Every structure is written in structure tokens, then in C-alpha cells.
Amino acid sequence: MSFADIEGGFTIRASRDAWETTKREIMEDFQGEDVTLQTGRIVEIAIAVGIAENKLQSSEYGDDPYRTSTESIDQYSVLKTLIEAKHPDENADGLQNAMIQYFEGGVQTIADEVDEKGYFDVNQYLPENVINLVD
């Protein structure tokens, strides 16, 4: 099975507080760069962090969770391909659930790092040769 078996997008959710912390911190990281960062790209960063940390998380969303559709994210299917490779035996529902949980895990990882250190170090998730292009 693959994400191709899922018609349309599906909704992913995370704690609103953790999401707002994540969004604010990533926007600040790119402030001053010649980049306009759309919300969908921040969602992709959170999913990528969840995958990198292998953090599948189901969380309590509270009364007002952040919600978004997957229709506008991962246009080149890079994250979907990674999830399919990490979960080769999952059906479409299992892959969908994994993406949701990686998103939640990534949002929480970023929010926790901001709470602990006061910032999120995106460079720890980039290969050295990419970091040198940015610095």
C-alpha cells in the first residue's frame, strides 16, 4: 500500500500551544532570510523532525487543536516516500496515521526544545554540506 491509495487530503492535528510555539520559532529562524515561509512548509518541517527523531506520538489536542489538511503539503512526496519506506507493511490508513503521529511528534519535539533551550536548532537536522551553504 502507499499514499497513492488515499484519495484527497486528510486532516492532521496537534496541540495548539505546541503548534504556535513551533510556528513562531521556525518563522523566527527564517526571519531576515529572503524566504517567505508558508504554513505548509512549517508543517513539512515538523513532519521531517518527527521522522528524523523517529517520534510517533498521539497527543491530547485540547479543546482547540491546530488542524490542517495534507492536500497542500509534501507536493513532491518526499516525506510520504520516507514514511512508506519506514512502514512498508502498513496499509493506507496506517500510513496516514503514521504521518499524523510524525507531525505530532515533530511539533512536540520542536516545542520542547524551545521550552528547554529557548530556541530550536534546525541545523541539527541538516547535513553538514547543506549547513555550510547557509552560513
N, C-alpha and C. Protein backbone atom coordinates (compact mmCIF):
# COMPACT_ATOMS: atom_id res chain seq x y z
N MET A 1 0.84 -1.18 0.00
CA MET A 1 0.00 0.00 0.00
C MET A 1 0.88 1.25 0.00
N SER A 2 0.27 2.35 -0.42
CA SER A 2 1.01 3.60 -0.44
C SER A 2 0.04 4.76 -0.24
N PHE A 3 0.62 5.94 -0.12
CA PHE A 3 -0.21 7.14 0.00
C PHE A 3 -1.04 7.36 -1.25
N ALA A 4 -0.61 6.80 -2.38
CA ALA A 4 -1.37 6.94 -3.62
C ALA A 4 -2.75 6.29 -3.50
N ASP A 5 -2.91 5.40 -2.53
CA ASP A 5 -4.20 4.74 -2.32
C ASP A 5 -5.18 5.60 -1.53
N ILE A 6 -4.72 6.76 -1.07
CA ILE A 6 -5.58 7.67 -0.31
C ILE A 6 -6.06 8.75 -1.26
N GLU A 7 -7.36 8.89 -1.39
CA GLU A 7 -7.91 9.91 -2.26
C GLU A 7 -8.03 11.22 -1.49
N GLY A 8 -7.48 12.29 -2.08
CA GLY A 8 -7.56 13.60 -1.45
C GLY A 8 -6.66 13.70 -0.24
N GLY A 9 -6.80 14.80 0.46
CA GLY A 9 -6.01 15.01 1.67
C GLY A 9 -6.74 14.50 2.89
N PHE A 10 -6.05 14.50 3.98
CA PHE A 10 -6.66 14.14 5.26
C PHE A 10 -6.21 15.16 6.29
N THR A 11 -6.89 15.20 7.39
CA THR A 11 -6.62 16.21 8.42
C THR A 11 -5.58 15.70 9.40
N ILE A 12 -4.61 16.55 9.69
CA ILE A 12 -3.65 16.26 10.75
C ILE A 12 -3.83 17.31 11.83
N ARG A 13 -3.56 16.92 13.07
CA ARG A 13 -3.81 17.78 14.23
C ARG A 13 -2.62 17.77 15.17
N ALA A 14 -2.54 18.83 15.95
CA ALA A 14 -1.55 18.90 17.03
C ALA A 14 -2.08 19.86 18.08
N SER A 15 -1.49 19.79 19.25
CA SER A 15 -1.82 20.73 20.31
C SER A 15 -1.61 22.15 19.79
N ARG A 16 -2.58 23.02 19.99
CA ARG A 16 -2.48 24.40 19.51
C ARG A 16 -1.29 25.11 20.15
N ASP A 17 -1.07 24.93 21.46
CA ASP A 17 0.05 25.61 22.12
C ASP A 17 1.39 25.16 21.54
N ALA A 18 1.57 23.85 21.37
CA ALA A 18 2.82 23.33 20.81
C ALA A 18 2.98 23.81 19.37
N TRP A 19 1.88 23.83 18.60
CA TRP A 19 1.94 24.30 17.22
C TRP A 19 2.35 25.77 17.15
N GLU A 20 1.73 26.60 17.98
CA GLU A 20 2.04 28.04 17.95
C GLU A 20 3.51 28.28 18.31
N THR A 21 4.03 27.54 19.28
CA THR A 21 5.45 27.64 19.63
C THR A 21 6.32 27.24 18.44
N THR A 22 5.97 26.12 17.81
CA THR A 22 6.72 25.61 16.66
C THR A 22 6.69 26.62 15.52
N LYS A 23 5.53 27.10 15.18
CA LYS A 23 5.38 28.04 14.07
C LYS A 23 6.17 29.32 14.33
N ARG A 24 6.02 29.88 15.51
CA ARG A 24 6.72 31.12 15.86
C ARG A 24 8.24 30.93 15.77
N GLU A 25 8.74 29.84 16.31
CA GLU A 25 10.18 29.61 16.35
C GLU A 25 10.75 29.41 14.94
N ILE A 26 10.08 28.64 14.12
CA ILE A 26 10.57 28.41 12.77
C ILE A 26 10.49 29.69 11.94
N MET A 27 9.43 30.46 12.11
CA MET A 27 9.33 31.74 11.41
C MET A 27 10.48 32.65 11.82
N GLU A 28 10.82 32.67 13.11
CA GLU A 28 11.94 33.48 13.59
C GLU A 28 13.26 32.99 13.01
N ASP A 29 13.42 31.66 12.88
CA ASP A 29 14.64 31.11 12.30
C ASP A 29 14.87 31.62 10.88
N PHE A 30 13.80 31.81 10.14
CA PHE A 30 13.92 32.22 8.75
C PHE A 30 13.76 33.73 8.56
N GLN A 31 13.52 34.45 9.65
CA GLN A 31 13.41 35.90 9.58
C GLN A 31 14.75 36.48 9.14
N GLY A 32 14.73 37.42 8.26
CA GLY A 32 15.97 38.00 7.77
C GLY A 32 16.49 37.28 6.55
N GLU A 33 16.03 36.05 6.32
CA GLU A 33 16.37 35.34 5.09
C GLU A 33 15.43 35.85 4.01
N ASP A 34 15.79 35.69 2.79
CA ASP A 34 14.93 36.10 1.69
C ASP A 34 13.96 34.97 1.38
N VAL A 35 13.15 34.62 2.39
CA VAL A 35 12.25 33.48 2.27
C VAL A 35 10.90 33.86 2.85
N THR A 36 9.84 33.55 2.13
CA THR A 36 8.50 33.67 2.68
C THR A 36 8.07 32.25 3.01
N LEU A 37 7.94 31.97 4.29
CA LEU A 37 7.65 30.62 4.73
C LEU A 37 6.15 30.45 4.93
N GLN A 38 5.55 29.59 4.15
CA GLN A 38 4.13 29.32 4.26
C GLN A 38 3.90 28.28 5.34
N THR A 39 2.69 28.27 5.87
CA THR A 39 2.35 27.33 6.94
C THR A 39 2.60 25.89 6.51
N GLY A 40 2.32 25.56 5.25
CA GLY A 40 2.54 24.20 4.77
C GLY A 40 3.99 23.76 4.89
N ARG A 41 4.91 24.68 4.68
CA ARG A 41 6.34 24.35 4.81
C ARG A 41 6.70 24.08 6.27
N ILE A 42 6.06 24.80 7.19
CA ILE A 42 6.31 24.57 8.61
C ILE A 42 5.77 23.20 9.01
N VAL A 43 4.62 22.84 8.48
CA VAL A 43 4.06 21.50 8.72
C VAL A 43 5.05 20.45 8.21
N GLU A 44 5.61 20.66 7.02
CA GLU A 44 6.58 19.71 6.47
C GLU A 44 7.82 19.60 7.35
N ILE A 45 8.30 20.73 7.87
CA ILE A 45 9.46 20.69 8.77
C ILE A 45 9.13 19.87 10.01
N ALA A 46 7.95 20.07 10.57
CA ALA A 46 7.55 19.32 11.77
C ALA A 46 7.48 17.82 11.47
N ILE A 47 6.91 17.44 10.33
CA ILE A 47 6.84 16.02 9.97
C ILE A 47 8.25 15.47 9.80
N ALA A 48 9.12 16.22 9.13
CA ALA A 48 10.50 15.77 8.91
C ALA A 48 11.24 15.58 10.23
N VAL A 49 11.03 16.48 11.19
CA VAL A 49 11.66 16.34 12.50
C VAL A 49 11.11 15.09 13.19
N GLY A 50 9.81 14.86 13.11
CA GLY A 50 9.23 13.65 13.69
C GLY A 50 9.82 12.39 13.09
N ILE A 51 10.02 12.39 11.77
CA ILE A 51 10.63 11.23 11.09
C ILE A 51 12.08 11.08 11.54
N ALA A 52 12.82 12.19 11.54
CA ALA A 52 14.25 12.14 11.92
C ALA A 52 14.43 11.63 13.35
N GLU A 53 13.53 12.03 14.24
CA GLU A 53 13.60 11.60 15.63
C GLU A 53 12.90 10.26 15.86
N ASN A 54 12.28 9.73 14.80
CA ASN A 54 11.50 8.50 14.91
C ASN A 54 10.48 8.61 16.03
N LYS A 55 9.83 9.77 16.07
CA LYS A 55 8.91 10.07 17.16
C LYS A 55 7.47 10.04 16.65
N LEU A 56 6.86 8.89 16.83
CA LEU A 56 5.44 8.73 16.56
C LEU A 56 4.70 9.07 17.85
N GLN A 57 3.84 10.06 17.79
CA GLN A 57 3.19 10.50 19.03
C GLN A 57 1.72 10.76 18.79
N SER A 58 0.91 10.25 19.67
CA SER A 58 -0.50 10.62 19.72
C SER A 58 -0.66 11.48 20.95
N SER A 59 -1.28 12.61 20.76
CA SER A 59 -1.37 13.52 21.90
C SER A 59 -2.80 13.95 22.13
N GLU A 60 -3.00 14.51 23.29
CA GLU A 60 -4.26 15.15 23.60
C GLU A 60 -4.23 16.52 22.95
N TYR A 61 -5.22 16.81 22.14
CA TYR A 61 -5.22 18.07 21.41
C TYR A 61 -5.78 19.23 22.21
N GLY A 62 -6.54 18.95 23.24
CA GLY A 62 -7.22 20.01 23.96
C GLY A 62 -8.50 20.39 23.22
N ASP A 63 -9.11 21.46 23.67
CA ASP A 63 -10.39 21.90 23.11
C ASP A 63 -10.25 22.58 21.76
N ASP A 64 -9.08 23.13 21.47
CA ASP A 64 -8.89 23.91 20.25
C ASP A 64 -7.60 23.49 19.55
N PRO A 65 -7.57 22.29 18.95
CA PRO A 65 -6.33 21.84 18.31
C PRO A 65 -6.05 22.61 17.02
N TYR A 66 -4.78 22.63 16.62
CA TYR A 66 -4.42 23.13 15.30
C TYR A 66 -4.77 22.03 14.31
N ARG A 67 -5.41 22.38 13.22
CA ARG A 67 -5.79 21.41 12.19
C ARG A 67 -5.37 21.93 10.83
N THR A 68 -4.92 21.04 9.99
CA THR A 68 -4.64 21.39 8.59
C THR A 68 -4.82 20.15 7.72
N SER A 69 -5.01 20.38 6.46
CA SER A 69 -5.16 19.29 5.51
C SER A 69 -3.81 18.98 4.88
N THR A 70 -3.63 17.72 4.53
CA THR A 70 -2.37 17.32 3.89
C THR A 70 -2.38 17.62 2.39
N GLU A 71 -3.46 18.12 1.86
CA GLU A 71 -3.52 18.39 0.42
C GLU A 71 -2.46 19.38 -0.04
N SER A 72 -2.10 20.33 0.82
CA SER A 72 -1.18 21.39 0.41
C SER A 72 0.27 21.13 0.83
N ILE A 73 0.55 19.97 1.38
CA ILE A 73 1.92 19.70 1.84
C ILE A 73 2.54 18.56 1.05
N ASP A 74 3.86 18.51 1.11
CA ASP A 74 4.65 17.42 0.51
C ASP A 74 4.29 17.20 -0.96
N GLN A 75 4.33 18.27 -1.73
CA GLN A 75 3.93 18.22 -3.13
C GLN A 75 4.78 17.25 -3.95
N TYR A 76 6.02 17.02 -3.55
CA TYR A 76 6.90 16.11 -4.28
C TYR A 76 6.97 14.73 -3.64
N SER A 77 6.16 14.49 -2.62
CA SER A 77 6.02 13.19 -1.95
C SER A 77 7.30 12.68 -1.30
N VAL A 78 8.19 13.58 -0.92
CA VAL A 78 9.43 13.17 -0.25
C VAL A 78 9.12 12.58 1.12
N LEU A 79 8.33 13.27 1.91
CA LEU A 79 8.00 12.78 3.25
C LEU A 79 7.16 11.51 3.18
N LYS A 80 6.23 11.48 2.24
CA LYS A 80 5.39 10.28 2.07
C LYS A 80 6.25 9.07 1.71
N THR A 81 7.23 9.28 0.84
CA THR A 81 8.12 8.19 0.45
C THR A 81 8.93 7.69 1.64
N LEU A 82 9.41 8.60 2.47
CA LEU A 82 10.15 8.21 3.68
C LEU A 82 9.26 7.40 4.62
N ILE A 83 8.04 7.85 4.80
CA ILE A 83 7.11 7.14 5.69
C ILE A 83 6.79 5.76 5.13
N GLU A 84 6.57 5.67 3.83
CA GLU A 84 6.31 4.36 3.22
C GLU A 84 7.51 3.42 3.41
N ALA A 85 8.72 3.96 3.28
CA ALA A 85 9.93 3.14 3.45
C ALA A 85 10.08 2.68 4.90
N LYS A 86 9.72 3.53 5.85
CA LYS A 86 9.84 3.17 7.27
C LYS A 86 8.72 2.22 7.72
N HIS A 87 7.61 2.20 6.98
CA HIS A 87 6.45 1.39 7.36
C HIS A 87 5.95 0.60 6.14
N PRO A 88 6.78 -0.30 5.61
CA PRO A 88 6.43 -0.97 4.35
C PRO A 88 5.21 -1.89 4.43
N ASP A 89 4.87 -2.34 5.62
CA ASP A 89 3.75 -3.28 5.75
C ASP A 89 2.43 -2.61 6.10
N GLU A 90 2.44 -1.29 6.20
CA GLU A 90 1.21 -0.57 6.58
C GLU A 90 0.29 -0.40 5.38
N ASN A 91 -1.00 -0.45 5.64
CA ASN A 91 -1.97 -0.12 4.61
C ASN A 91 -2.12 1.40 4.56
N ALA A 92 -2.98 1.89 3.69
CA ALA A 92 -3.14 3.34 3.52
C ALA A 92 -3.53 4.03 4.83
N ASP A 93 -4.43 3.42 5.59
CA ASP A 93 -4.83 4.02 6.87
C ASP A 93 -3.66 4.08 7.85
N GLY A 94 -2.84 3.04 7.87
CA GLY A 94 -1.66 3.02 8.75
C GLY A 94 -0.65 4.07 8.36
N LEU A 95 -0.45 4.27 7.05
CA LEU A 95 0.48 5.31 6.59
C LEU A 95 -0.04 6.70 6.95
N GLN A 96 -1.34 6.89 6.77
CA GLN A 96 -1.97 8.16 7.14
C GLN A 96 -1.77 8.42 8.63
N ASN A 97 -2.01 7.41 9.44
CA ASN A 97 -1.85 7.54 10.89
C ASN A 97 -0.39 7.84 11.26
N ALA A 98 0.55 7.20 10.55
CA ALA A 98 1.97 7.46 10.82
C ALA A 98 2.32 8.91 10.52
N MET A 99 1.82 9.46 9.41
CA MET A 99 2.11 10.86 9.10
C MET A 99 1.54 11.78 10.18
N ILE A 100 0.34 11.49 10.63
CA ILE A 100 -0.28 12.28 11.69
C ILE A 100 0.59 12.23 12.95
N GLN A 101 1.04 11.05 13.31
CA GLN A 101 1.83 10.89 14.52
C GLN A 101 3.23 11.48 14.38
N TYR A 102 3.83 11.43 13.19
CA TYR A 102 5.13 12.09 12.98
C TYR A 102 4.97 13.60 13.09
N PHE A 103 3.87 14.13 12.57
CA PHE A 103 3.61 15.56 12.70
C PHE A 103 3.50 15.95 14.17
N GLU A 104 2.70 15.21 14.91
CA GLU A 104 2.54 15.49 16.34
C GLU A 104 3.87 15.37 17.08
N GLY A 105 4.64 14.32 16.75
CA GLY A 105 5.94 14.12 17.38
C GLY A 105 6.91 15.23 17.06
N GLY A 106 6.92 15.68 15.80
CA GLY A 106 7.81 16.77 15.40
C GLY A 106 7.43 18.09 16.05
N VAL A 107 6.15 18.39 16.09
CA VAL A 107 5.68 19.62 16.75
C VAL A 107 6.09 19.60 18.21
N GLN A 108 5.88 18.48 18.87
CA GLN A 108 6.22 18.39 20.29
C GLN A 108 7.73 18.47 20.52
N THR A 109 8.51 17.84 19.66
CA THR A 109 9.98 17.89 19.76
C THR A 109 10.47 19.32 19.66
N ILE A 110 9.97 20.05 18.67
CA ILE A 110 10.37 21.45 18.47
C ILE A 110 9.93 22.30 19.66
N ALA A 111 8.69 22.15 20.08
CA ALA A 111 8.18 22.94 21.20
C ALA A 111 8.95 22.64 22.49
N ASP A 112 9.28 21.37 22.72
CA ASP A 112 10.04 21.00 23.92
C ASP A 112 11.44 21.62 23.88
N GLU A 113 12.08 21.61 22.70
CA GLU A 113 13.42 22.19 22.59
C GLU A 113 13.38 23.70 22.85
N VAL A 114 12.35 24.35 22.35
CA VAL A 114 12.21 25.80 22.60
C VAL A 114 12.01 26.04 24.10
N ASP A 115 11.18 25.22 24.74
CA ASP A 115 10.97 25.36 26.19
C ASP A 115 12.26 25.14 26.98
N GLU A 116 13.07 24.16 26.56
CA GLU A 116 14.30 23.82 27.29
C GLU A 116 15.45 24.79 27.00
N LYS A 117 15.66 25.12 25.72
CA LYS A 117 16.83 25.90 25.32
C LYS A 117 16.52 27.36 24.98
N GLY A 118 15.25 27.64 24.73
CA GLY A 118 14.87 28.98 24.31
C GLY A 118 14.92 29.17 22.80
N TYR A 119 15.27 28.12 22.06
CA TYR A 119 15.32 28.19 20.60
C TYR A 119 15.28 26.78 20.03
N PHE A 120 15.05 26.70 18.72
CA PHE A 120 15.08 25.43 18.00
C PHE A 120 16.24 25.47 17.03
N ASP A 121 17.12 24.50 17.10
CA ASP A 121 18.30 24.43 16.24
C ASP A 121 17.99 23.56 15.03
N VAL A 122 17.49 24.17 13.97
CA VAL A 122 17.14 23.44 12.76
C VAL A 122 18.38 22.82 12.11
N ASN A 123 19.56 23.41 12.34
CA ASN A 123 20.79 22.89 11.72
C ASN A 123 21.12 21.47 12.14
N GLN A 124 20.65 21.04 13.30
CA GLN A 124 20.95 19.67 13.73
C GLN A 124 20.30 18.63 12.83
N TYR A 125 19.34 19.05 12.02
CA TYR A 125 18.66 18.13 11.12
C TYR A 125 19.13 18.24 9.68
N LEU A 126 20.13 19.09 9.43
CA LEU A 126 20.64 19.29 8.08
C LEU A 126 22.02 18.65 7.95
N PRO A 127 22.29 18.04 6.82
CA PRO A 127 23.65 17.51 6.60
C PRO A 127 24.66 18.65 6.60
N GLU A 128 25.87 18.36 6.97
CA GLU A 128 26.93 19.37 7.09
C GLU A 128 27.10 20.18 5.80
N ASN A 129 27.02 19.52 4.64
CA ASN A 129 27.22 20.25 3.40
C ASN A 129 26.10 21.25 3.13
N VAL A 130 24.91 21.01 3.63
CA VAL A 130 23.81 21.95 3.48
C VAL A 130 24.00 23.11 4.47
N ILE A 131 24.40 22.82 5.67
CA ILE A 131 24.63 23.86 6.68
C ILE A 131 25.66 24.87 6.16
N ASN A 132 26.72 24.40 5.53
CA ASN A 132 27.75 25.29 5.03
C ASN A 132 27.25 26.21 3.93
N LEU A 133 26.23 25.80 3.20
CA LEU A 133 25.64 26.67 2.19
C LEU A 133 24.90 27.83 2.82
N VAL A 134 24.32 27.61 3.99
CA VAL A 134 23.51 28.63 4.65
C VAL A 134 24.37 29.61 5.42
N ASP A 135 25.40 29.13 6.09
CA ASP A 135 26.22 30.01 6.96
C ASP A 135 27.07 30.97 6.20
